[in-house]
């Protein structure tokens, strides 16, 4: 049985680590070479974006020790910051002793928005759109036939009214139609945008108003990923701190982040330190994930922590995280970039929902590592130790 618990992994050379990962994930020779000099070619890069002049490499590491929903996982992570991969792997080692991470992920429902600006009679436009939802829903049928055949497709529509009332500027009323669409294993931006464009002429006819923007929202509030863990205090024991003290310190740090947006910004940056590297490694849009996560953190009107840490009646540390996670495993960069494709193989070729859960678990692990460091020895010492190692290597 394959295990992500790889003692001494950090002591191996990069080639030896790759060999261990290749054995775990049954990488093909081509996929192994994708992590070396035979990764993204200049020709492939030229097809991916405009005005290509070259490529810029980033370190590709692997998070080890992860047990997620009772399955061992090695997690590809692309990041330039020292300590990120080590911290996530170290926390995963602790959490796996407590039955690992558990995840729960919503369906892959994305939201498309069709905006009607400068509305004169908001109640009338809202009523007209609500009455037309059956007609508009029928117009969506068959646009993405293969998705519908596989069980995806339209999941509903919603009508919202908004007011622009910035101080010093003329007020403006607008109405927005939300299209909720299950994109299955795709991120879904193109699917949703196509539907929004398709419906625009019908909405203009139904409402008698010109349509403004028609585009997806990156606040994927219908596509949430959750991860959680429960760690008995004795597993948190450190040489200079008892496990109970560590658990209490982590919970205290969380309360600070919940109460104070200045602290929450840094707290959530630490979470994204774990999330972004996996999103980048798997060829997904880390900017969309960041935007959605930070918007979700402010959903009640104040920017707060994306994670939650408490100590239960038995003294165990309980952690959880919830955030939008609009990732895909088909299309786009997944096919164009050989290293991205190999990263998906390392992960076991997961579905989009499985990948979202893995990413959420890595974010929670990274957050746990940062808070433990802050609550005990101080995060700066660990950072400086890794920076010193880097400077020493550069000087050789």
Protein backbone atom coordinates (compact mmCIF):
# COMPACT_ATOMS: atom_id res chain seq x y z
CA UNK A 1 0.00 0.00 0.00
CA UNK A 2 1.41 3.38 -1.03
CA UNK A 3 1.93 5.97 1.68
CA UNK A 4 2.60 9.70 1.49
CA UNK A 5 4.60 9.37 4.71
CA UNK A 6 8.17 9.64 3.41
CA UNK A 7 10.65 9.95 6.30
CA UNK A 8 13.91 11.66 5.33
CA UNK A 9 12.48 12.90 2.05
CA UNK A 10 14.06 16.33 2.48
CA UNK A 11 17.52 14.73 2.81
CA UNK A 12 17.36 13.21 -0.68
CA UNK A 13 18.67 14.93 -3.79
CA UNK A 14 16.09 16.40 -6.21
CA UNK A 15 16.59 13.46 -8.59
CA UNK A 16 16.07 10.98 -5.78
CA UNK A 17 12.93 12.78 -4.64
CA UNK A 18 11.54 12.74 -8.16
CA UNK A 19 12.23 9.02 -8.37
CA UNK A 20 10.28 8.42 -5.15
CA UNK A 21 7.38 10.51 -6.42
CA UNK A 22 7.47 8.79 -9.81
CA UNK A 23 7.22 5.42 -8.08
CA UNK A 24 4.33 6.59 -5.88
CA UNK A 25 2.35 8.08 -8.77
CA UNK A 26 3.47 5.68 -11.54
CA UNK A 27 4.69 8.58 -13.65
CA UNK A 28 5.59 7.81 -17.25
CA UNK A 29 9.13 8.63 -18.45
CA UNK A 30 7.69 11.64 -20.29
CA UNK A 31 6.01 12.90 -17.13
CA UNK A 32 9.24 12.51 -15.16
CA UNK A 33 11.12 14.51 -17.79
CA UNK A 34 8.47 17.25 -17.57
CA UNK A 35 9.91 18.21 -14.16
CA UNK A 36 13.38 18.69 -15.64
CA UNK A 37 14.76 20.38 -18.71
CA UNK A 38 12.00 18.95 -20.90
CA UNK A 39 9.07 20.78 -19.34
CA UNK A 40 7.41 23.71 -21.05
CA UNK A 41 9.01 24.31 -24.45
CA UNK A 42 9.28 27.74 -25.97
CA UNK A 43 6.96 26.61 -28.75
CA UNK A 44 4.25 25.55 -26.29
CA UNK A 45 4.70 28.76 -24.31
CA UNK A 46 4.17 30.77 -27.49
CA UNK A 47 0.78 29.09 -27.91
CA UNK A 48 -0.32 29.83 -24.35
CA UNK A 49 0.02 33.63 -24.14
CA UNK A 50 0.88 36.61 -26.32
CA UNK A 51 4.26 38.24 -27.04
CA UNK A 52 6.28 35.33 -25.64
CA UNK A 53 10.01 35.98 -25.26
CA UNK A 54 10.96 33.06 -23.03
CA UNK A 55 10.05 31.13 -19.89
CA UNK A 56 10.61 31.78 -16.19
CA UNK A 57 11.01 28.76 -13.95
CA UNK A 58 9.75 28.41 -10.36
CA UNK A 59 10.65 25.65 -7.90
CA UNK A 60 8.27 22.68 -8.05
CA UNK A 61 8.15 20.76 -4.77
CA UNK A 62 5.87 18.16 -3.29
CA UNK A 63 3.93 18.21 -0.04
CA UNK A 64 4.26 14.87 1.71
CA UNK A 65 2.51 13.08 4.60
CA UNK A 66 -1.00 14.10 3.53
CA UNK A 67 -3.86 11.78 4.47
CA UNK A 68 -7.06 13.28 3.08
CA UNK A 69 -10.36 11.45 3.40
CA UNK A 70 -8.39 8.32 4.32
CA UNK A 71 -6.36 8.45 1.10
CA UNK A 72 -2.63 9.13 0.94
CA UNK A 73 -1.78 12.04 -1.33
CA UNK A 74 1.43 13.62 -2.57
CA UNK A 75 0.73 17.26 -3.41
CA UNK A 76 2.64 19.15 -6.13
CA UNK A 77 3.37 22.73 -5.03
CA UNK A 78 4.94 25.49 -7.14
CA UNK A 79 6.19 28.35 -4.98
CA UNK A 80 9.27 30.55 -4.48
CA UNK A 81 8.91 31.20 -0.74
CA UNK A 82 10.99 29.12 1.69
CA UNK A 83 9.26 27.15 4.46
CA UNK A 84 5.90 26.77 2.72
CA UNK A 85 6.28 23.18 1.53
CA UNK A 86 8.08 22.16 4.73
CA UNK A 87 5.43 23.67 7.01
CA UNK A 88 2.53 22.05 5.16
CA UNK A 89 4.29 18.68 5.14
CA UNK A 90 5.15 18.89 8.85
CA UNK A 91 1.59 19.70 9.82
CA UNK A 92 0.28 16.94 7.57
CA UNK A 93 2.54 14.51 9.45
CA UNK A 94 0.91 15.50 12.74
CA UNK A 95 -2.64 15.48 11.38
CA UNK A 96 -2.27 12.03 9.76
CA UNK A 97 -1.73 10.62 13.27
CA UNK A 98 -5.21 11.93 14.10
CA UNK A 99 -6.95 10.28 11.11
CA UNK A 100 -5.98 13.01 8.66
CA UNK A 101 -8.02 15.73 7.01
CA UNK A 102 -11.67 15.41 6.11
CA UNK A 103 -13.19 17.34 3.23
CA UNK A 104 -16.59 18.25 1.88
CA UNK A 105 -17.01 19.96 -1.48
CA UNK A 106 -20.06 21.41 -3.20
CA UNK A 107 -21.02 20.70 -6.78
CA UNK A 108 -19.02 22.63 -9.38
CA UNK A 109 -21.61 25.38 -9.74
CA UNK A 110 -20.37 28.66 -11.20
CA UNK A 111 -22.30 31.92 -11.36
CA UNK A 112 -22.74 33.94 -14.53
CA UNK A 113 -23.99 37.52 -14.28
CA UNK A 114 -26.03 39.46 -16.80
CA UNK A 115 -26.31 43.10 -15.70
CA UNK A 116 -29.02 45.58 -16.63
CA UNK A 117 -27.74 49.08 -15.73
CA UNK A 118 -29.68 52.32 -15.27
CA UNK A 119 -33.01 50.66 -14.49
CA UNK A 120 -35.90 53.10 -14.13
CA UNK A 121 -38.51 50.74 -12.65
CA UNK A 122 -36.69 48.12 -10.61
CA UNK A 123 -39.76 46.16 -9.36
CA UNK A 124 -41.11 45.84 -12.92
CA UNK A 125 -37.82 44.60 -14.33
CA UNK A 126 -37.33 42.16 -11.45
CA UNK A 127 -40.86 40.81 -11.91
CA UNK A 128 -40.39 40.44 -15.67
CA UNK A 129 -37.16 38.51 -15.25
CA UNK A 130 -38.53 36.25 -12.54
CA UNK A 131 -41.54 35.41 -14.69
CA UNK A 132 -39.22 34.66 -17.64
CA UNK A 133 -36.92 32.24 -15.77
CA UNK A 134 -38.60 29.14 -17.32
CA UNK A 135 -38.15 30.61 -20.81
CA UNK A 136 -34.55 31.64 -20.15
CA UNK A 137 -33.78 28.25 -18.64
CA UNK A 138 -35.05 26.55 -21.77
CA UNK A 139 -32.79 28.78 -23.87
CA UNK A 140 -29.82 27.35 -21.96
CA UNK A 141 -30.74 23.77 -22.77
CA UNK A 142 -28.37 22.07 -25.19
CA UNK A 143 -25.81 24.88 -25.31
CA UNK A 144 -23.32 22.57 -23.60
CA UNK A 145 -24.87 19.24 -24.52
CA UNK A 146 -21.95 17.05 -23.43
CA UNK A 147 -21.96 18.62 -19.96
CA UNK A 148 -25.67 17.97 -19.64
CA UNK A 149 -25.24 14.35 -20.77
CA UNK A 150 -22.72 13.84 -17.95
CA UNK A 151 -25.09 15.23 -15.31
CA UNK A 152 -24.04 18.87 -15.28
CA UNK A 153 -25.88 21.89 -16.58
CA UNK A 154 -28.19 24.59 -15.33
CA UNK A 155 -28.95 24.53 -11.61
CA UNK A 156 -31.15 27.61 -11.42
CA UNK A 157 -31.38 31.37 -11.88
CA UNK A 158 -31.65 34.24 -9.43
CA UNK A 159 -32.65 37.89 -9.86
CA UNK A 160 -30.98 40.57 -7.74
CA UNK A 161 -31.46 44.34 -7.50
CA UNK A 162 -28.53 46.61 -6.64
CA UNK A 163 -27.99 50.32 -6.05
CA UNK A 164 -24.81 52.23 -6.79
CA UNK A 165 -24.74 55.01 -4.19
CA UNK A 166 -21.12 56.13 -3.87
CA UNK A 167 -20.97 59.42 -1.96
CA UNK A 168 -20.67 62.43 -4.25
CA UNK A 169 -21.87 60.55 -7.35
CA UNK A 170 -25.34 60.18 -8.93
CA UNK A 171 -27.12 57.07 -7.70
CA UNK A 172 -27.94 54.28 -10.15
CA UNK A 173 -30.26 51.29 -9.84
CA UNK A 174 -29.45 48.06 -11.63
CA UNK A 175 -30.80 44.52 -11.88
CA UNK A 176 -28.65 41.42 -12.28
CA UNK A 177 -29.60 37.93 -13.42
CA UNK A 178 -27.49 35.14 -11.93
CA UNK A 179 -27.09 31.94 -13.96
CA UNK A 180 -26.08 28.95 -11.79
CA UNK A 181 -24.37 26.28 -13.89
CA UNK A 182 -22.71 23.00 -12.83
CA UNK A 183 -19.51 22.79 -14.87
CA UNK A 184 -18.49 19.34 -13.54
CA UNK A 185 -14.71 18.93 -13.96
CA UNK A 186 -14.09 22.26 -15.71
CA UNK A 187 -13.39 25.58 -14.07
CA UNK A 188 -16.26 26.77 -16.23
CA UNK A 189 -15.52 30.38 -17.15
CA UNK A 190 -16.01 29.85 -20.87
CA UNK A 191 -19.17 27.81 -20.34
CA UNK A 192 -20.81 30.42 -18.14
CA UNK A 193 -19.73 33.34 -20.31
CA UNK A 194 -21.23 31.62 -23.36
CA UNK A 195 -24.57 31.24 -21.59
CA UNK A 196 -24.56 34.87 -20.46
CA UNK A 197 -23.94 36.05 -24.02
CA UNK A 198 -26.62 33.68 -25.31
CA UNK A 199 -29.27 35.10 -22.96
CA UNK A 200 -28.45 38.81 -23.42
CA UNK A 201 -30.76 39.45 -26.43
CA UNK A 202 -33.65 37.65 -24.72
CA UNK A 203 -33.18 39.67 -21.54
CA UNK A 204 -33.21 42.90 -23.53
CA UNK A 205 -36.45 41.83 -25.22
CA UNK A 206 -38.09 40.78 -21.94
CA UNK A 207 -37.12 43.87 -19.94
CA UNK A 208 -37.00 46.59 -22.58
CA UNK A 209 -33.55 47.61 -21.27
CA UNK A 210 -30.08 47.33 -22.74
CA UNK A 211 -27.87 44.72 -21.15
CA UNK A 212 -24.52 45.81 -19.68
CA UNK A 213 -21.92 43.29 -18.57
CA UNK A 214 -22.36 39.55 -19.06
CA UNK A 215 -19.60 37.53 -17.45
CA UNK A 216 -18.90 35.00 -14.73
CA UNK A 217 -18.35 35.92 -11.09
CA UNK A 218 -15.18 34.80 -9.34
CA UNK A 219 -17.05 34.84 -6.04
CA UNK A 220 -18.03 31.18 -6.49
CA UNK A 221 -20.30 31.06 -3.44
CA UNK A 222 -22.09 27.96 -4.76
CA UNK A 223 -18.81 26.08 -5.17
CA UNK A 224 -17.36 25.92 -1.66
CA UNK A 225 -14.66 23.55 -0.45
CA UNK A 226 -14.31 22.66 3.22
CA UNK A 227 -11.59 20.82 5.12
CA UNK A 228 -11.32 19.97 8.79
CA UNK A 229 -9.17 18.12 11.30
CA UNK A 230 -9.21 17.25 15.01
CA UNK A 231 -5.86 16.81 16.76
CA UNK A 232 -5.52 15.48 20.32
CA UNK A 233 -3.36 17.82 22.40
CA UNK A 234 -0.63 15.23 23.03
CA UNK A 235 0.19 15.18 19.31
CA UNK A 236 1.06 18.88 19.53
CA UNK A 237 3.68 18.53 22.28
CA UNK A 238 6.89 20.48 21.62
CA UNK A 239 10.17 20.56 23.57
CA UNK A 240 9.36 23.88 25.21
CA UNK A 241 5.54 23.84 25.03
CA UNK A 242 2.92 21.32 26.03
CA UNK A 243 0.35 20.30 23.44
CA UNK A 244 -2.35 22.03 25.47
CA UNK A 245 -0.39 25.28 25.35
CA UNK A 246 0.13 24.93 21.59
CA UNK A 247 -3.58 24.28 21.01
CA UNK A 248 -4.55 27.26 23.17
CA UNK A 249 -2.06 29.50 21.36
CA UNK A 250 -3.37 28.52 17.91
CA UNK A 251 -6.98 29.11 18.99
CA UNK A 252 -6.03 32.48 20.46
CA UNK A 253 -4.31 33.49 17.22
CA UNK A 254 -7.45 32.57 15.29
CA UNK A 255 -9.62 34.74 17.52
CA UNK A 256 -7.33 37.69 16.80
CA UNK A 257 -7.76 37.12 13.05
CA UNK A 258 -11.54 36.82 13.35
CA UNK A 259 -11.77 40.10 15.26
CA UNK A 260 -9.23 42.23 13.38
CA UNK A 261 -9.03 42.67 9.57
CA UNK A 262 -5.41 43.85 9.84
CA UNK A 263 -4.46 40.51 11.37
CA UNK A 264 -6.89 38.58 9.14
CA UNK A 265 -5.12 39.83 6.01
CA UNK A 266 -1.84 38.25 7.12
CA UNK A 267 -3.60 35.18 8.54
CA UNK A 268 -5.32 34.53 5.19
CA UNK A 269 -2.14 35.25 3.26
CA UNK A 270 -0.64 32.33 5.16
CA UNK A 271 -3.55 30.14 4.08
CA UNK A 272 -3.04 31.17 0.46
CA UNK A 273 0.66 30.30 0.86
CA UNK A 274 -0.53 26.70 0.81
CA UNK A 275 -3.40 27.06 -1.64
CA UNK A 276 -1.77 29.06 -4.44
CA UNK A 277 1.17 26.66 -5.00
CA UNK A 278 -1.21 23.75 -5.62
CA UNK A 279 -3.46 25.87 -7.83
CA UNK A 280 -0.44 26.95 -9.89
CA UNK A 281 0.98 23.42 -10.09
CA UNK A 282 -2.33 22.13 -11.43
CA UNK A 283 -2.65 24.85 -14.06
CA UNK A 284 -5.59 26.64 -12.47
CA UNK A 285 -6.27 30.35 -12.13
CA UNK A 286 -4.72 31.39 -8.81
CA UNK A 287 -5.88 34.98 -9.30
CA UNK A 288 -9.51 33.85 -9.46
CA UNK A 289 -9.05 31.71 -6.37
CA UNK A 290 -7.46 34.61 -4.49
CA UNK A 291 -10.22 37.03 -5.49
CA UNK A 292 -12.98 34.63 -4.50
CA UNK A 293 -11.33 33.70 -1.20
CA UNK A 294 -10.83 37.28 -0.08
CA UNK A 295 -14.35 38.29 -1.11
CA UNK A 296 -15.72 35.31 0.85
CA UNK A 297 -13.68 36.37 3.88
CA UNK A 298 -15.57 39.70 3.88
CA UNK A 299 -19.05 38.30 3.25
CA UNK A 300 -20.52 39.59 6.54
CA UNK A 301 -19.21 43.12 5.99
CA UNK A 302 -15.88 42.71 7.80
CA UNK A 303 -12.81 40.92 6.47
CA UNK A 304 -12.23 37.85 8.67
CA UNK A 305 -10.27 34.62 8.91
CA UNK A 306 -11.01 31.94 6.31
CA UNK A 307 -10.17 29.25 8.87
CA UNK A 308 -11.44 28.52 12.36
CA UNK A 309 -9.50 26.98 15.29
CA UNK A 310 -11.00 26.00 18.63
CA UNK A 311 -10.19 23.70 21.54
CA UNK A 312 -12.95 21.20 22.36
CA UNK A 313 -14.03 19.81 25.73
CA UNK A 314 -11.44 17.02 25.50
CA UNK A 315 -8.66 19.54 24.89
CA UNK A 316 -8.22 18.61 21.21
CA UNK A 317 -7.45 21.26 18.62
CA UNK A 318 -10.22 21.48 16.01
CA UNK A 319 -9.53 23.24 12.73
CA UNK A 320 -11.74 23.96 9.73
CA UNK A 321 -11.70 26.04 6.59
CA UNK A 322 -14.34 27.02 4.02
CA UNK A 323 -13.79 29.02 0.85
CA UNK A 324 -14.79 29.14 -2.83
CA UNK A 325 -12.66 26.78 -4.92
CA UNK A 326 -13.31 27.08 -8.66
CA UNK A 327 -10.70 24.67 -10.05
CA UNK A 328 -10.84 22.43 -13.08
CA UNK A 329 -9.05 19.31 -14.21
CA UNK A 330 -9.79 19.45 -17.94
CA UNK A 331 -9.02 21.88 -20.72
CA UNK A 332 -6.71 24.84 -21.07
CA UNK A 333 -3.31 24.65 -19.41
CA UNK A 334 -3.85 21.04 -18.35
CA UNK A 335 -3.27 19.95 -21.94
CA UNK A 336 -0.85 22.67 -23.02
CA UNK A 337 1.72 22.39 -20.20
CA UNK A 338 3.41 18.98 -19.75
CA UNK A 339 4.46 19.66 -16.15
CA UNK A 340 0.90 20.60 -15.20
CA UNK A 341 -0.33 17.34 -16.71
CA UNK A 342 2.29 15.39 -14.74
CA UNK A 343 1.21 17.19 -11.55
CA UNK A 344 -2.32 15.87 -12.05
CA UNK A 345 -0.89 12.36 -12.38
CA UNK A 346 0.94 12.76 -9.06
CA UNK A 347 -2.38 13.71 -7.48
CA UNK A 348 -4.01 10.60 -8.93
CA UNK A 349 -5.94 12.36 -11.70
CA UNK A 350 -8.60 13.67 -9.29
CA UNK A 351 -11.99 15.07 -10.20
CA UNK A 352 -12.43 18.82 -9.85
CA UNK A 353 -14.27 18.34 -6.56
CA UNK A 354 -11.58 16.04 -5.18
CA UNK A 355 -8.88 18.52 -6.20
CA UNK A 356 -10.79 21.34 -4.48
CA UNK A 357 -10.88 19.34 -1.26
CA UNK A 358 -7.15 18.57 -1.44
CA UNK A 359 -6.36 22.25 -1.95
CA UNK A 360 -8.52 23.27 1.00
CA UNK A 361 -6.76 20.70 3.21
CA UNK A 362 -3.34 22.03 2.18
CA UNK A 363 -4.48 25.57 3.01
CA UNK A 364 -5.59 24.43 6.47
CA UNK A 365 -2.29 22.62 7.04
CA UNK A 366 -0.31 25.69 6.01
CA UNK A 367 -2.37 27.88 8.32
CA UNK A 368 -1.83 25.48 11.20
CA UNK A 369 1.92 25.58 10.65
CA UNK A 370 2.04 29.37 10.60
CA UNK A 371 -0.11 29.74 13.72
CA UNK A 372 1.87 27.11 15.61
CA UNK A 373 5.09 28.96 14.80
CA UNK A 374 3.63 32.30 15.82
CA UNK A 375 2.20 30.88 19.02
CA UNK A 376 5.45 29.14 20.04
CA UNK A 377 8.94 29.84 18.72
CA UNK A 378 7.97 32.71 16.43
CA UNK A 379 7.72 32.44 12.69
CA UNK A 380 10.76 34.58 11.93
CA UNK A 381 13.23 32.04 13.31
CA UNK A 382 12.04 29.34 10.92
CA UNK A 383 12.02 31.70 7.95
CA UNK A 384 15.51 32.95 8.68
CA UNK A 385 16.87 29.43 9.05
CA UNK A 386 15.64 28.56 5.55
CA UNK A 387 16.83 31.85 4.08
CA UNK A 388 20.26 31.20 5.60
CA UNK A 389 20.37 27.79 3.96
CA UNK A 390 19.44 29.38 0.64
CA UNK A 391 22.17 32.03 0.93
CA UNK A 392 24.72 29.39 1.86
CA UNK A 393 23.78 27.32 -1.21
CA UNK A 394 24.00 30.36 -3.49
CA UNK A 395 27.44 31.19 -2.11
CA UNK A 396 28.84 27.75 -2.86
